Amino acid sequence: MTTKIRQQNGITILEPNGKIIGPSTSELWEEISGQIETSDTPRILINFEHVKRVDSTGLGVLMGTRAAVARKKGRVGVINISKQINNLIVMSRLVSLFERFDSETAAVSGLSA
C-alpha cells in the first residue's frame, strides 16, 4: 500500500492506494500521525477512492486517527468510500466519527471553515 499526501488550503489530504489491512496499516498510521504531530489543529481528509479493502486493523488506525485529531481539536473528513467499506464502518458503528463529504472540493471547503 502507498499513500500520497498533499496540502490544500491548510487541509492535509491523504490518498491511500491498495488495501488497508495487516502490516500495511502501520505504514498508514506513520503517515497520518506525522501529519497530526506537525499541526496545532489538524484538519485531515482521507480519500478512499483507491482503497480496495479495509480490515479490523485498518479500522483501528482510523479510530486512532480520529482520537488523535480530536485531542488537538481538529477534524477528520472522508470521501469516496466504497459500498463495502461503508458497510464495514456502519456495522462497526464508527460512521458518526468521521465527517463525510461528496467531493474533495466540498471537503476542503467544509474542513476549512
C-alpha atoms as a PDB file:
ATOM      1  CA  MET A   1       0.000   0.000   0.000  1.00  0.00           C
ATOM      2  CA  THR A   2       1.191   3.508  -0.790  1.00  0.00           C
ATOM      3  CA  THR A   3      -0.143   6.842   0.421  1.00  0.00           C
ATOM      4  CA  LYS A   4       0.081  10.159  -1.380  1.00  0.00           C
ATOM      5  CA  ILE A   5      -0.020  13.215   0.866  1.00  0.00           C
ATOM      6  CA  ARG A   6      -0.679  16.752  -0.256  1.00  0.00           C
ATOM      7  CA  GLN A   7      -1.875  20.020   1.245  1.00  0.00           C
ATOM      8  CA  GLN A   8      -4.689  22.256   0.088  1.00  0.00           C
ATOM      9  CA  ASN A   9      -5.917  25.348   1.975  1.00  0.00           C
ATOM     10  CA  GLY A  10      -4.493  24.044   5.254  1.00  0.00           C
ATOM     11  CA  ILE A  11      -6.076  20.611   4.816  1.00  0.00           C
ATOM     12  CA  THR A  12      -3.863  17.523   4.709  1.00  0.00           C
ATOM     13  CA  ILE A  13      -5.219  15.195   2.035  1.00  0.00           C
ATOM     14  CA  LEU A  14      -4.227  11.546   2.334  1.00  0.00           C
ATOM     15  CA  GLU A  15      -4.797   9.246  -0.622  1.00  0.00           C
ATOM     16  CA  PRO A  16      -4.066   5.641   0.352  1.00  0.00           C
ATOM     17  CA  ASN A  17      -3.827   3.211  -2.557  1.00  0.00           C
ATOM     18  CA  GLY A  18      -4.393  -0.521  -2.093  1.00  0.00           C
ATOM     19  CA  LYS A  19      -5.610  -2.472   0.908  1.00  0.00           C
ATOM     20  CA  ILE A  20      -5.587  -1.097   4.434  1.00  0.00           C
ATOM     21  CA  ILE A  21      -5.003  -4.457   6.069  1.00  0.00           C
ATOM     22  CA  GLY A  22      -2.493  -6.155   8.357  1.00  0.00           C
ATOM     23  CA  PRO A  23       1.077  -4.838   8.283  1.00  0.00           C
ATOM     24  CA  SER A  24       0.338  -2.074   5.765  1.00  0.00           C
ATOM     25  CA  THR A  25      -1.771  -0.290   8.376  1.00  0.00           C
ATOM     26  CA  SER A  26       1.341   0.637  10.375  1.00  0.00           C
ATOM     27  CA  GLU A  27       2.689   2.488   7.316  1.00  0.00           C
ATOM     28  CA  LEU A  28      -0.562   4.438   7.033  1.00  0.00           C
ATOM     29  CA  TRP A  29      -0.534   5.248  10.749  1.00  0.00           C
ATOM     30  CA  GLU A  30       3.035   6.565  10.496  1.00  0.00           C
ATOM     31  CA  GLU A  31       1.993   8.857   7.635  1.00  0.00           C
ATOM     32  CA  ILE A  32      -1.107  10.086   9.458  1.00  0.00           C
ATOM     33  CA  SER A  33       0.491  10.519  12.881  1.00  0.00           C
ATOM     34  CA  GLY A  34       3.310  12.540  11.351  1.00  0.00           C
ATOM     35  CA  GLN A  35       0.772  14.913   9.868  1.00  0.00           C
ATOM     36  CA  ILE A  36      -1.138  15.177  13.163  1.00  0.00           C
ATOM     37  CA  GLU A  37       2.021  15.899  15.171  1.00  0.00           C
ATOM     38  CA  THR A  38       3.091  18.797  12.945  1.00  0.00           C
ATOM     39  CA  SER A  39      -0.213  20.648  13.246  1.00  0.00           C
ATOM     40  CA  ASP A  40      -1.707  22.556  16.162  1.00  0.00           C
ATOM     41  CA  THR A  41      -5.253  21.890  14.926  1.00  0.00           C
ATOM     42  CA  PRO A  42      -5.067  19.130  12.320  1.00  0.00           C
ATOM     43  CA  ARG A  43      -7.584  19.002   9.518  1.00  0.00           C
ATOM     44  CA  ILE A  44      -7.273  15.739   7.655  1.00  0.00           C
ATOM     45  CA  LEU A  45      -9.145  14.442   4.632  1.00  0.00           C
ATOM     46  CA  ILE A  46      -8.838  10.771   3.720  1.00  0.00           C
ATOM     47  CA  ASN A  47      -9.728   9.915   0.129  1.00  0.00           C
ATOM     48  CA  PHE A  48     -10.736   6.243  -0.126  1.00  0.00           C
ATOM     49  CA  GLU A  49     -11.062   6.275  -3.922  1.00  0.00           C
ATOM     50  CA  HIS A  50      -8.203   3.799  -4.455  1.00  0.00           C
ATOM     51  CA  VAL A  51      -8.708   1.683  -1.336  1.00  0.00           C
ATOM     52  CA  LYS A  52      -9.859  -1.810  -2.195  1.00  0.00           C
ATOM     53  CA  ARG A  53     -10.297  -3.221   1.279  1.00  0.00           C
ATOM     54  CA  VAL A  54     -10.101  -2.358   4.983  1.00  0.00           C
ATOM     55  CA  ASP A  55      -9.850  -4.911   7.796  1.00  0.00           C
ATOM     56  CA  SER A  56     -10.199  -4.577  11.574  1.00  0.00           C
ATOM     57  CA  THR A  57      -6.596  -3.386  11.884  1.00  0.00           C
ATOM     58  CA  GLY A  58      -7.361  -0.668   9.351  1.00  0.00           C
ATOM     59  CA  LEU A  59     -10.442   0.329  11.336  1.00  0.00           C
ATOM     60  CA  GLY A  60      -8.182   0.604  14.377  1.00  0.00           C
ATOM     61  CA  VAL A  61      -5.950   3.049  12.503  1.00  0.00           C
ATOM     62  CA  LEU A  62      -8.994   5.104  11.528  1.00  0.00           C
ATOM     63  CA  MET A  63     -10.224   5.157  15.139  1.00  0.00           C
ATOM     64  CA  GLY A  64      -6.741   6.110  16.347  1.00  0.00           C
ATOM     65  CA  THR A  65      -6.634   8.894  13.775  1.00  0.00           C
ATOM     66  CA  ARG A  66      -9.951  10.257  14.936  1.00  0.00           C
ATOM     67  CA  ALA A  67      -8.895  10.119  18.601  1.00  0.00           C
ATOM     68  CA  ALA A  68      -5.513  11.800  17.987  1.00  0.00           C
ATOM     69  CA  VAL A  69      -7.090  14.557  15.903  1.00  0.00           C
ATOM     70  CA  ALA A  70      -9.870  15.106  18.456  1.00  0.00           C
ATOM     71  CA  ARG A  71      -7.295  15.581  21.244  1.00  0.00           C
ATOM     72  CA  LYS A  72      -5.915  18.526  19.259  1.00  0.00           C
ATOM     73  CA  LYS A  73      -9.405  19.878  18.495  1.00  0.00           C
ATOM     74  CA  GLY A  74      -9.002  19.018  14.810  1.00  0.00           C
ATOM     75  CA  ARG A  75     -11.315  17.445  12.246  1.00  0.00           C
ATOM     76  CA  VAL A  76     -11.246  14.357  10.027  1.00  0.00           C
ATOM     77  CA  GLY A  77     -13.198  14.078   6.798  1.00  0.00           C
ATOM     78  CA  VAL A  78     -13.606  11.203   4.356  1.00  0.00           C
ATOM     79  CA  ILE A  79     -14.569  11.000   0.692  1.00  0.00           C
ATOM     80  CA  ASN A  80     -15.073   8.321  -1.961  1.00  0.00           C
ATOM     81  CA  ILE A  81     -15.958   5.469   0.394  1.00  0.00           C
ATOM     82  CA  SER A  82     -16.907   2.294  -1.455  1.00  0.00           C
ATOM     83  CA  LYS A  83     -20.070   0.430  -0.557  1.00  0.00           C
ATOM     84  CA  GLN A  84     -18.057  -2.397   1.045  1.00  0.00           C
ATOM     85  CA  ILE A  85     -16.018  -0.063   3.241  1.00  0.00           C
ATOM     86  CA  ASN A  86     -19.109   1.980   4.091  1.00  0.00           C
ATOM     87  CA  ASN A  87     -20.909  -1.191   5.221  1.00  0.00           C
ATOM     88  CA  LEU A  88     -17.937  -2.097   7.427  1.00  0.00           C
ATOM     89  CA  ILE A  89     -17.874   1.357   9.013  1.00  0.00           C
ATOM     90  CA  VAL A  90     -21.638   1.308   9.587  1.00  0.00           C
ATOM     91  CA  MET A  91     -21.617  -2.224  11.057  1.00  0.00           C
ATOM     92  CA  SER A  92     -18.767  -1.338  13.406  1.00  0.00           C
ATOM     93  CA  ARG A  93     -20.698   1.775  14.487  1.00  0.00           C
ATOM     94  CA  LEU A  94     -17.890   4.130  13.516  1.00  0.00           C
ATOM     95  CA  VAL A  95     -19.907   6.025  10.926  1.00  0.00           C
ATOM     96  CA  SER A  96     -20.549   9.008  13.207  1.00  0.00           C
ATOM     97  CA  LEU A  97     -16.823   9.545  13.918  1.00  0.00           C
ATOM     98  CA  PHE A  98     -15.990  10.962  10.508  1.00  0.00           C
ATOM     99  CA  GLU A  99     -17.295  13.917   8.572  1.00  0.00           C
ATOM    100  CA  ARG A 100     -18.406  12.691   5.168  1.00  0.00           C
ATOM    101  CA  PHE A 101     -18.290  14.794   2.038  1.00  0.00           C
ATOM    102  CA  ASP A 102     -19.438  14.226  -1.539  1.00  0.00           C
ATOM    103  CA  SER A 103     -16.322  15.646  -3.188  1.00  0.00           C
ATOM    104  CA  GLU A 104     -12.837  16.891  -2.452  1.00  0.00           C
ATOM    105  CA  THR A 105     -13.906  20.459  -3.177  1.00  0.00           C
ATOM    106  CA  ALA A 106     -16.766  20.219  -0.663  1.00  0.00           C
ATOM    107  CA  ALA A 107     -14.470  18.584   1.904  1.00  0.00           C
ATOM    108  CA  VAL A 108     -11.734  21.208   1.616  1.00  0.00           C
ATOM    109  CA  SER A 109     -14.327  23.946   1.894  1.00  0.00           C
ATOM    110  CA  GLY A 110     -16.103  22.274   4.817  1.00  0.00           C
ATOM    111  CA  LEU A 111     -12.972  21.413   6.774  1.00  0.00           C
ATOM    112  CA  SER A 112     -11.513  24.899   6.219  1.00  0.00           C
ATOM    113  CA  ALA A 113     -14.453  26.594   7.907  1.00  0.00           C
END
